[in-house]
Amino acid sequence: MQPTLILVHGAVLNGGMWAPIAADLSRDYNVLTPDLPGHGSRAGEKFTLAAAVATLTDIAKQLAPAPIVLAGDSLGGYTSLAAAASLGDQLRGAVLGGCTMNFRGPQMLVYQAQIALTKILKPETIRARFETRIRQDFPQAATAILSRGLAVTAYEDAVEELRKVDFRAVLASFKPPLILVNGSKDLLHVLGEKGARVSNPRADIRRFAGVGHGVTLWRPDMFAKILRDFLLSLDPAGTIAPASS
């Protein structure tokens, strides 16, 4: 049975961030790019990790018994990890970016400083800065992201929710095949790789050279290739076949 790929976006953004990767993979696979609570089409809701996990589990129930593969970046990666226990055998594996850091300890000072800045600046100022950066750095996905809207006020909620969870324990309990990807310049997450590896020695940890946080946006072609290769590795006999086969 053909798998469905559920691509889970990062904080402030929306499912539009996956536009280049979704366009590539949807030629052969069923691809979904949902908006999490507090983001995109669901901007009127408050983000909670429980509600984000429920988003993925609800989609899985609608698709059952079809197998599922998760791809996530940043908040989407953490949400995917947190949802795994609820997805059971339906989840065949995951490829996740920017989620090897545990939201504990001195690294939280960086996030606290970012949150403090959002309280000083007006939301429209923050939104304008984000829009400029997205257009400059991620032109392949910019139109799709901006058409769904930026959720600049959801950032603090996302950070606060992730602080409540020991993701080292979550990683340790993650059973399906797993690839974790960081940008080489994403220092907090690179530093977190050792702890992630200890928690889940089965995980394949990789880096994209020369980029920071948001590897799926910086290197969509490379991430799409990893996903394609991952799908083939899960099913070398071809029983989970691409739609074009």
C-alpha atoms as a PDB file:
ATOM      1  CA  MET A   1       0.000   0.000   0.000  1.00  0.00           C
ATOM      2  CA  GLN A   2       1.325   3.421  -0.995  1.00  0.00           C
ATOM      3  CA  PRO A   3       2.494   5.613   1.915  1.00  0.00           C
ATOM      4  CA  THR A   4       1.274   9.112   2.598  1.00  0.00           C
ATOM      5  CA  LEU A   5       3.923  11.709   3.378  1.00  0.00           C
ATOM      6  CA  ILE A   6       2.863  14.229   6.009  1.00  0.00           C
ATOM      7  CA  LEU A   7       5.141  17.274   5.882  1.00  0.00           C
ATOM      8  CA  VAL A   8       5.045  19.281   9.113  1.00  0.00           C
ATOM      9  CA  HIS A   9       6.103  22.935   9.097  1.00  0.00           C
ATOM     10  CA  GLY A  10       8.119  25.056  11.508  1.00  0.00           C
ATOM     11  CA  ALA A  11       7.036  27.772  13.931  1.00  0.00           C
ATOM     12  CA  VAL A  12       5.703  31.050  12.464  1.00  0.00           C
ATOM     13  CA  LEU A  13       5.501  29.446   9.012  1.00  0.00           C
ATOM     14  CA  ASN A  14       2.867  27.129   7.528  1.00  0.00           C
ATOM     15  CA  GLY A  15       2.478  24.183   5.194  1.00  0.00           C
ATOM     16  CA  GLY A  16       3.475  26.397   2.273  1.00  0.00           C
ATOM     17  CA  MET A  17       7.124  26.093   3.333  1.00  0.00           C
ATOM     18  CA  TRP A  18       7.105  22.621   1.782  1.00  0.00           C
ATOM     19  CA  ALA A  19       6.038  23.828  -1.678  1.00  0.00           C
ATOM     20  CA  PRO A  20       9.263  22.863  -3.549  1.00  0.00           C
ATOM     21  CA  ILE A  21       9.560  19.491  -1.801  1.00  0.00           C
ATOM     22  CA  ALA A  22       5.848  18.729  -2.119  1.00  0.00           C
ATOM     23  CA  ALA A  23       5.932  19.544  -5.847  1.00  0.00           C
ATOM     24  CA  ASP A  24       8.798  17.096  -6.289  1.00  0.00           C
ATOM     25  CA  LEU A  25       7.482  14.218  -4.186  1.00  0.00           C
ATOM     26  CA  SER A  26       3.814  14.506  -5.123  1.00  0.00           C
ATOM     27  CA  ARG A  27       4.674  13.272  -8.604  1.00  0.00           C
ATOM     28  CA  ASP A  28       5.064   9.814  -7.066  1.00  0.00           C
ATOM     29  CA  TYR A  29       3.563   9.879  -3.568  1.00  0.00           C
ATOM     30  CA  ASN A  30       0.544  11.139  -1.697  1.00  0.00           C
ATOM     31  CA  VAL A  31       1.723  14.312   0.069  1.00  0.00           C
ATOM     32  CA  LEU A  32      -0.053  16.396   2.715  1.00  0.00           C
ATOM     33  CA  THR A  33       1.142  19.757   4.083  1.00  0.00           C
ATOM     34  CA  PRO A  34      -1.204  20.598   6.979  1.00  0.00           C
ATOM     35  CA  ASP A  35      -1.144  23.820   8.973  1.00  0.00           C
ATOM     36  CA  LEU A  36      -0.600  23.357  12.701  1.00  0.00           C
ATOM     37  CA  PRO A  37      -2.798  25.140  15.258  1.00  0.00           C
ATOM     38  CA  GLY A  38      -1.964  28.841  15.474  1.00  0.00           C
ATOM     39  CA  HIS A  39      -0.493  28.886  11.978  1.00  0.00           C
ATOM     40  CA  GLY A  40      -1.629  29.515   8.427  1.00  0.00           C
ATOM     41  CA  SER A  41      -5.295  28.637   7.919  1.00  0.00           C
ATOM     42  CA  ARG A  42      -5.533  27.937  11.663  1.00  0.00           C
ATOM     43  CA  ALA A  43      -4.079  31.242  12.835  1.00  0.00           C
ATOM     44  CA  GLY A  44      -7.109  31.926  15.025  1.00  0.00           C
ATOM     45  CA  GLU A  45      -6.310  28.939  17.242  1.00  0.00           C
ATOM     46  CA  LYS A  46      -3.776  28.824  20.064  1.00  0.00           C
ATOM     47  CA  PHE A  47      -0.789  26.575  19.485  1.00  0.00           C
ATOM     48  CA  THR A  48      -0.347  23.725  21.926  1.00  0.00           C
ATOM     49  CA  LEU A  49       1.782  20.671  21.355  1.00  0.00           C
ATOM     50  CA  ALA A  50      -1.155  18.442  22.274  1.00  0.00           C
ATOM     51  CA  ALA A  51      -3.298  20.087  19.587  1.00  0.00           C
ATOM     52  CA  ALA A  52      -0.470  19.798  17.060  1.00  0.00           C
ATOM     53  CA  VAL A  53      -0.073  16.090  17.838  1.00  0.00           C
ATOM     54  CA  ALA A  54      -3.840  15.677  17.520  1.00  0.00           C
ATOM     55  CA  THR A  55      -3.616  17.233  14.053  1.00  0.00           C
ATOM     56  CA  LEU A  56      -1.275  14.465  12.920  1.00  0.00           C
ATOM     57  CA  THR A  57      -3.141  11.653  14.656  1.00  0.00           C
ATOM     58  CA  ASP A  58      -6.447  12.822  13.179  1.00  0.00           C
ATOM     59  CA  ILE A  59      -4.933  12.806   9.688  1.00  0.00           C
ATOM     60  CA  ALA A  60      -3.533   9.325  10.320  1.00  0.00           C
ATOM     61  CA  LYS A  61      -6.928   8.019  11.382  1.00  0.00           C
ATOM     62  CA  GLN A  62      -8.503   9.374   8.214  1.00  0.00           C
ATOM     63  CA  LEU A  63      -5.824   7.632   6.134  1.00  0.00           C
ATOM     64  CA  ALA A  64      -5.777   4.309   7.997  1.00  0.00           C
ATOM     65  CA  PRO A  65      -4.671   1.695   7.254  1.00  0.00           C
ATOM     66  CA  ALA A  66      -2.339   3.407   4.794  1.00  0.00           C
ATOM     67  CA  PRO A  67       1.257   3.666   6.032  1.00  0.00           C
ATOM     68  CA  ILE A  68       2.593   7.098   6.955  1.00  0.00           C
ATOM     69  CA  VAL A  69       6.015   8.718   6.726  1.00  0.00           C
ATOM     70  CA  LEU A  70       6.585  11.990   8.556  1.00  0.00           C
ATOM     71  CA  ALA A  71       8.903  14.797   7.531  1.00  0.00           C
ATOM     72  CA  GLY A  72       9.227  17.817   9.769  1.00  0.00           C
ATOM     73  CA  ASP A  73      11.445  20.813  10.303  1.00  0.00           C
ATOM     74  CA  SER A  74      12.050  22.661  13.578  1.00  0.00           C
ATOM     75  CA  LEU A  75       8.676  22.770  15.369  1.00  0.00           C
ATOM     76  CA  GLY A  76       7.447  20.281  12.787  1.00  0.00           C
ATOM     77  CA  GLY A  77      10.246  17.916  13.723  1.00  0.00           C
ATOM     78  CA  TYR A  78       9.454  18.118  17.427  1.00  0.00           C
ATOM     79  CA  THR A  79       5.739  17.686  16.743  1.00  0.00           C
ATOM     80  CA  SER A  80       6.491  14.610  14.646  1.00  0.00           C
ATOM     81  CA  LEU A  81       8.579  13.095  17.441  1.00  0.00           C
ATOM     82  CA  ALA A  82       5.859  13.789  19.977  1.00  0.00           C
ATOM     83  CA  ALA A  83       3.172  12.261  17.743  1.00  0.00           C
ATOM     84  CA  ALA A  84       5.004   9.007  17.024  1.00  0.00           C
ATOM     85  CA  ALA A  85       3.682   7.090  20.027  1.00  0.00           C
ATOM     86  CA  SER A  86       0.104   7.866  18.991  1.00  0.00           C
ATOM     87  CA  LEU A  87       0.601   6.672  15.406  1.00  0.00           C
ATOM     88  CA  GLY A  88       1.682   3.136  16.219  1.00  0.00           C
ATOM     89  CA  ASP A  89       2.558   0.763  13.402  1.00  0.00           C
ATOM     90  CA  GLN A  90       0.998   3.088  10.852  1.00  0.00           C
ATOM     91  CA  LEU A  91       4.131   5.264  11.146  1.00  0.00           C
ATOM     92  CA  ARG A  92       6.874   3.658   9.067  1.00  0.00           C
ATOM     93  CA  GLY A  93       9.560   6.252   9.693  1.00  0.00           C
ATOM     94  CA  ALA A  94      10.510   9.920   9.770  1.00  0.00           C
ATOM     95  CA  VAL A  95      13.006  12.374   8.298  1.00  0.00           C
ATOM     96  CA  LEU A  96      13.248  15.409  10.565  1.00  0.00           C
ATOM     97  CA  GLY A  97      15.268  18.620  10.462  1.00  0.00           C
ATOM     98  CA  GLY A  98      16.378  20.941  13.248  1.00  0.00           C
ATOM     99  CA  CYS A  99      15.126  19.008  16.278  1.00  0.00           C
ATOM    100  CA  THR A 100      18.158  17.539  18.041  1.00  0.00           C
ATOM    101  CA  MET A 101      18.285  20.198  20.760  1.00  0.00           C
ATOM    102  CA  ASN A 102      16.493  19.574  24.036  1.00  0.00           C
ATOM    103  CA  PHE A 103      14.638  22.654  25.253  1.00  0.00           C
ATOM    104  CA  ARG A 104      16.423  22.630  28.595  1.00  0.00           C
ATOM    105  CA  GLY A 105      19.462  24.356  30.061  1.00  0.00           C
ATOM    106  CA  PRO A 106      21.485  27.447  29.086  1.00  0.00           C
ATOM    107  CA  GLN A 107      20.556  27.311  25.402  1.00  0.00           C
ATOM    108  CA  MET A 108      17.132  28.550  26.428  1.00  0.00           C
ATOM    109  CA  LEU A 109      18.689  31.990  26.927  1.00  0.00           C
ATOM    110  CA  VAL A 110      18.778  32.367  23.151  1.00  0.00           C
ATOM    111  CA  TYR A 111      15.065  31.653  22.858  1.00  0.00           C
ATOM    112  CA  GLN A 112      14.205  33.848  25.804  1.00  0.00           C
ATOM    113  CA  ALA A 113      16.066  36.727  24.163  1.00  0.00           C
ATOM    114  CA  GLN A 114      14.150  36.177  20.925  1.00  0.00           C
ATOM    115  CA  ILE A 115      10.849  36.166  22.793  1.00  0.00           C
ATOM    116  CA  ALA A 116      11.822  39.345  24.639  1.00  0.00           C
ATOM    117  CA  LEU A 117      12.509  41.006  21.289  1.00  0.00           C
ATOM    118  CA  THR A 118       9.055  40.039  20.008  1.00  0.00           C
ATOM    119  CA  LYS A 119       7.540  41.805  23.012  1.00  0.00           C
ATOM    120  CA  ILE A 120       9.438  45.007  22.244  1.00  0.00           C
ATOM    121  CA  LEU A 121       8.750  45.179  18.510  1.00  0.00           C
ATOM    122  CA  LYS A 122       5.312  45.573  16.986  1.00  0.00           C
ATOM    123  CA  PRO A 123       3.915  42.412  15.334  1.00  0.00           C
ATOM    124  CA  GLU A 124       3.731  44.185  11.985  1.00  0.00           C
ATOM    125  CA  THR A 125       7.437  45.073  12.245  1.00  0.00           C
ATOM    126  CA  ILE A 126       8.361  41.464  12.991  1.00  0.00           C
ATOM    127  CA  ARG A 127       6.138  40.245  10.169  1.00  0.00           C
ATOM    128  CA  ALA A 128       7.731  42.663   7.706  1.00  0.00           C
ATOM    129  CA  ARG A 129      11.205  41.462   8.677  1.00  0.00           C
ATOM    130  CA  PHE A 130      10.190  37.827   8.262  1.00  0.00           C
ATOM    131  CA  GLU A 131       8.612  38.520   4.885  1.00  0.00           C
ATOM    132  CA  THR A 132      11.750  40.268   3.641  1.00  0.00           C
ATOM    133  CA  ARG A 133      13.980  37.425   4.784  1.00  0.00           C
ATOM    134  CA  ILE A 134      11.726  34.744   3.294  1.00  0.00           C
ATOM    135  CA  ARG A 135      11.655  36.491  -0.079  1.00  0.00           C
ATOM    136  CA  GLN A 136      15.426  36.936  -0.080  1.00  0.00           C
ATOM    137  CA  ASP A 137      16.530  33.569   1.319  1.00  0.00           C
ATOM    138  CA  PHE A 138      13.796  31.159   0.258  1.00  0.00           C
ATOM    139  CA  PRO A 139      12.396  32.348  -3.087  1.00  0.00           C
ATOM    140  CA  GLN A 140      11.291  28.832  -4.082  1.00  0.00           C
ATOM    141  CA  ALA A 141       8.815  28.687  -1.198  1.00  0.00           C
ATOM    142  CA  ALA A 142       8.151  32.393  -0.569  1.00  0.00           C
ATOM    143  CA  THR A 143       4.899  32.754  -2.501  1.00  0.00           C
ATOM    144  CA  ALA A 144       3.358  29.643  -0.939  1.00  0.00           C
ATOM    145  CA  ILE A 145       4.411  30.640   2.595  1.00  0.00           C
ATOM    146  CA  LEU A 146       3.264  34.238   2.401  1.00  0.00           C
ATOM    147  CA  SER A 147      -0.050  33.359   0.780  1.00  0.00           C
ATOM    148  CA  ARG A 148      -0.993  31.421   3.927  1.00  0.00           C
ATOM    149  CA  GLY A 149       0.247  34.131   6.291  1.00  0.00           C
ATOM    150  CA  LEU A 150       2.935  34.308   8.958  1.00  0.00           C
ATOM    151  CA  ALA A 151       2.037  33.493  12.568  1.00  0.00           C
ATOM    152  CA  VAL A 152       4.515  35.745  14.352  1.00  0.00           C
ATOM    153  CA  THR A 153       2.532  35.668  17.593  1.00  0.00           C
ATOM    154  CA  ALA A 154       2.685  31.848  17.780  1.00  0.00           C
ATOM    155  CA  TYR A 155       6.433  31.739  18.390  1.00  0.00           C
ATOM    156  CA  GLU A 156       6.301  32.202  22.158  1.00  0.00           C
ATOM    157  CA  ASP A 157       3.553  29.590  22.519  1.00  0.00           C
ATOM    158  CA  ALA A 158       5.628  27.100  20.521  1.00  0.00           C
ATOM    159  CA  VAL A 159       8.757  27.616  22.609  1.00  0.00           C
ATOM    160  CA  GLU A 160       6.842  27.385  25.880  1.00  0.00           C
ATOM    161  CA  GLU A 161       5.197  24.151  24.794  1.00  0.00           C
ATOM    162  CA  LEU A 162       8.486  22.536  23.746  1.00  0.00           C
ATOM    163  CA  ARG A 163      10.052  23.473  27.094  1.00  0.00           C
ATOM    164  CA  LYS A 164       7.550  21.192  28.828  1.00  0.00           C
ATOM    165  CA  VAL A 165       8.822  18.052  27.118  1.00  0.00           C
ATOM    166  CA  ASP A 166      12.001  16.046  27.595  1.00  0.00           C
ATOM    167  CA  PHE A 167      12.728  15.260  23.963  1.00  0.00           C
ATOM    168  CA  ARG A 168      15.646  13.062  24.929  1.00  0.00           C
ATOM    169  CA  ALA A 169      13.108  10.663  26.438  1.00  0.00           C
ATOM    170  CA  VAL A 170      10.871  11.055  23.382  1.00  0.00           C
ATOM    171  CA  LEU A 171      13.769  10.190  21.088  1.00  0.00           C
ATOM    172  CA  ALA A 172      14.628   7.164  23.198  1.00  0.00           C
ATOM    173  CA  SER A 173      11.102   5.816  22.749  1.00  0.00           C
ATOM    174  CA  PHE A 174      10.985   6.477  18.987  1.00  0.00           C
ATOM    175  CA  LYS A 175      10.998   3.035  17.358  1.00  0.00           C
ATOM    176  CA  PRO A 176      10.616   3.475  13.553  1.00  0.00           C
ATOM    177  CA  PRO A 177      13.576   4.279  11.289  1.00  0.00           C
ATOM    178  CA  LEU A 178      14.662   7.877  11.766  1.00  0.00           C
ATOM    179  CA  ILE A 179      16.918  10.372   9.987  1.00  0.00           C
ATOM    180  CA  LEU A 180      17.781  13.645  11.754  1.00  0.00           C
ATOM    181  CA  VAL A 181      19.199  16.481   9.649  1.00  0.00           C
ATOM    182  CA  ASN A 182      20.844  19.733  10.775  1.00  0.00           C
ATOM    183  CA  GLY A 183      22.533  22.600   9.031  1.00  0.00           C
ATOM    184  CA  SER A 184      26.217  22.845   9.911  1.00  0.00           C
ATOM    185  CA  LYS A 185      25.702  26.463  11.034  1.00  0.00           C
ATOM    186  CA  ASP A 186      22.765  25.598  13.302  1.00  0.00           C
ATOM    187  CA  LEU A 187      25.022  25.488  16.339  1.00  0.00           C
ATOM    188  CA  LEU A 188      22.496  24.751  19.083  1.00  0.00           C
ATOM    189  CA  HIS A 189      21.149  21.759  17.217  1.00  0.00           C
ATOM    190  CA  VAL A 190      24.592  20.586  16.154  1.00  0.00           C
ATOM    191  CA  LEU A 191      25.607  20.663  19.815  1.00  0.00           C
ATOM    192  CA  GLY A 192      22.487  18.656  20.587  1.00  0.00           C
ATOM    193  CA  GLU A 193      23.426  15.851  18.209  1.00  0.00           C
ATOM    194  CA  LYS A 194      25.494  14.000  20.815  1.00  0.00           C
ATOM    195  CA  GLY A 195      22.592  13.804  23.237  1.00  0.00           C
ATOM    196  CA  ALA A 196      20.232  12.786  20.444  1.00  0.00           C
ATOM    197  CA  ARG A 197      22.596  10.016  19.387  1.00  0.00           C
ATOM    198  CA  VAL A 198      22.851   8.727  22.943  1.00  0.00           C
ATOM    199  CA  SER A 199      19.058   8.767  23.285  1.00  0.00           C
ATOM    200  CA  ASN A 200      18.466   6.979  19.990  1.00  0.00           C
ATOM    201  CA  PRO A 201      21.572   5.192  18.678  1.00  0.00           C
ATOM    202  CA  ARG A 202      19.535   3.859  15.751  1.00  0.00           C
ATOM    203  CA  ALA A 203      18.963   7.344  14.333  1.00  0.00           C
ATOM    204  CA  ASP A 204      20.956   8.407  11.273  1.00  0.00           C
ATOM    205  CA  ILE A 205      22.187  11.964  11.939  1.00  0.00           C
ATOM    206  CA  ARG A 206      23.288  14.062   8.965  1.00  0.00           C
ATOM    207  CA  ARG A 207      24.344  17.648   8.251  1.00  0.00           C
ATOM    208  CA  PHE A 208      23.911  19.967   5.321  1.00  0.00           C
ATOM    209  CA  ALA A 209      27.069  22.041   4.971  1.00  0.00           C
ATOM    210  CA  GLY A 210      26.992  25.815   4.975  1.00  0.00           C
ATOM    211  CA  VAL A 211      23.426  26.437   6.137  1.00  0.00           C
ATOM    212  CA  GLY A 212      21.678  27.189   9.405  1.00  0.00           C
ATOM    213  CA  HIS A 213      18.305  26.334  10.880  1.00  0.00           C
ATOM    214  CA  GLY A 214      15.556  25.375   8.437  1.00  0.00           C
ATOM    215  CA  VAL A 215      17.370  22.822   6.290  1.00  0.00           C
ATOM    216  CA  THR A 216      14.250  22.011   4.267  1.00  0.00           C
ATOM    217  CA  LEU A 217      14.065  25.636   3.143  1.00  0.00           C
ATOM    218  CA  TRP A 218      17.767  26.096   2.522  1.00  0.00           C
ATOM    219  CA  ARG A 219      18.257  22.812   0.639  1.00  0.00           C
ATOM    220  CA  PRO A 220      14.861  21.535  -0.592  1.00  0.00           C
ATOM    221  CA  ASP A 221      16.350  19.418  -3.380  1.00  0.00           C
ATOM    222  CA  MET A 222      18.740  17.670  -1.014  1.00  0.00           C
ATOM    223  CA  PHE A 223      16.040  17.057   1.561  1.00  0.00           C
ATOM    224  CA  ALA A 224      13.651  15.689  -1.082  1.00  0.00           C
ATOM    225  CA  LYS A 225      16.339  13.259  -2.237  1.00  0.00           C
ATOM    226  CA  ILE A 226      16.879  12.042   1.316  1.00  0.00           C
ATOM    227  CA  LEU A 227      13.131  11.461   1.614  1.00  0.00           C
ATOM    228  CA  ARG A 228      13.000   9.524  -1.660  1.00  0.00           C
ATOM    229  CA  ASP A 229      15.959   7.353  -0.681  1.00  0.00           C
ATOM    230  CA  PHE A 230      14.420   6.846   2.760  1.00  0.00           C
ATOM    231  CA  LEU A 231      11.171   5.582   1.246  1.00  0.00           C
ATOM    232  CA  LEU A 232      13.077   3.111  -0.899  1.00  0.00           C
ATOM    233  CA  SER A 233      15.104   1.899   2.079  1.00  0.00           C
ATOM    234  CA  LEU A 234      11.908   1.205   4.014  1.00  0.00           C
ATOM    235  CA  ASP A 235      10.575  -0.972   1.213  1.00  0.00           C
ATOM    236  CA  PRO A 236      13.370  -2.461  -0.915  1.00  0.00           C
ATOM    237  CA  ALA A 237      11.024  -5.207  -2.163  1.00  0.00           C
ATOM    238  CA  GLY A 238       8.692  -2.626  -3.685  1.00  0.00           C
ATOM    239  CA  THR A 239       5.563  -3.550  -1.761  1.00  0.00           C
ATOM    240  CA  ILE A 240       5.092   0.117  -0.842  1.00  0.00           C
ATOM    241  CA  ALA A 241       5.291   1.447  -4.352  1.00  0.00           C
ATOM    242  CA  PRO A 242       5.360   4.977  -5.755  1.00  0.00           C
ATOM    243  CA  ALA A 243       2.173   5.961  -7.515  1.00  0.00           C
ATOM    244  CA  SER A 244       3.915   6.001 -10.901  1.00  0.00           C
ATOM    245  CA  SER A 245       5.082   2.385 -10.721  1.00  0.00           C
END
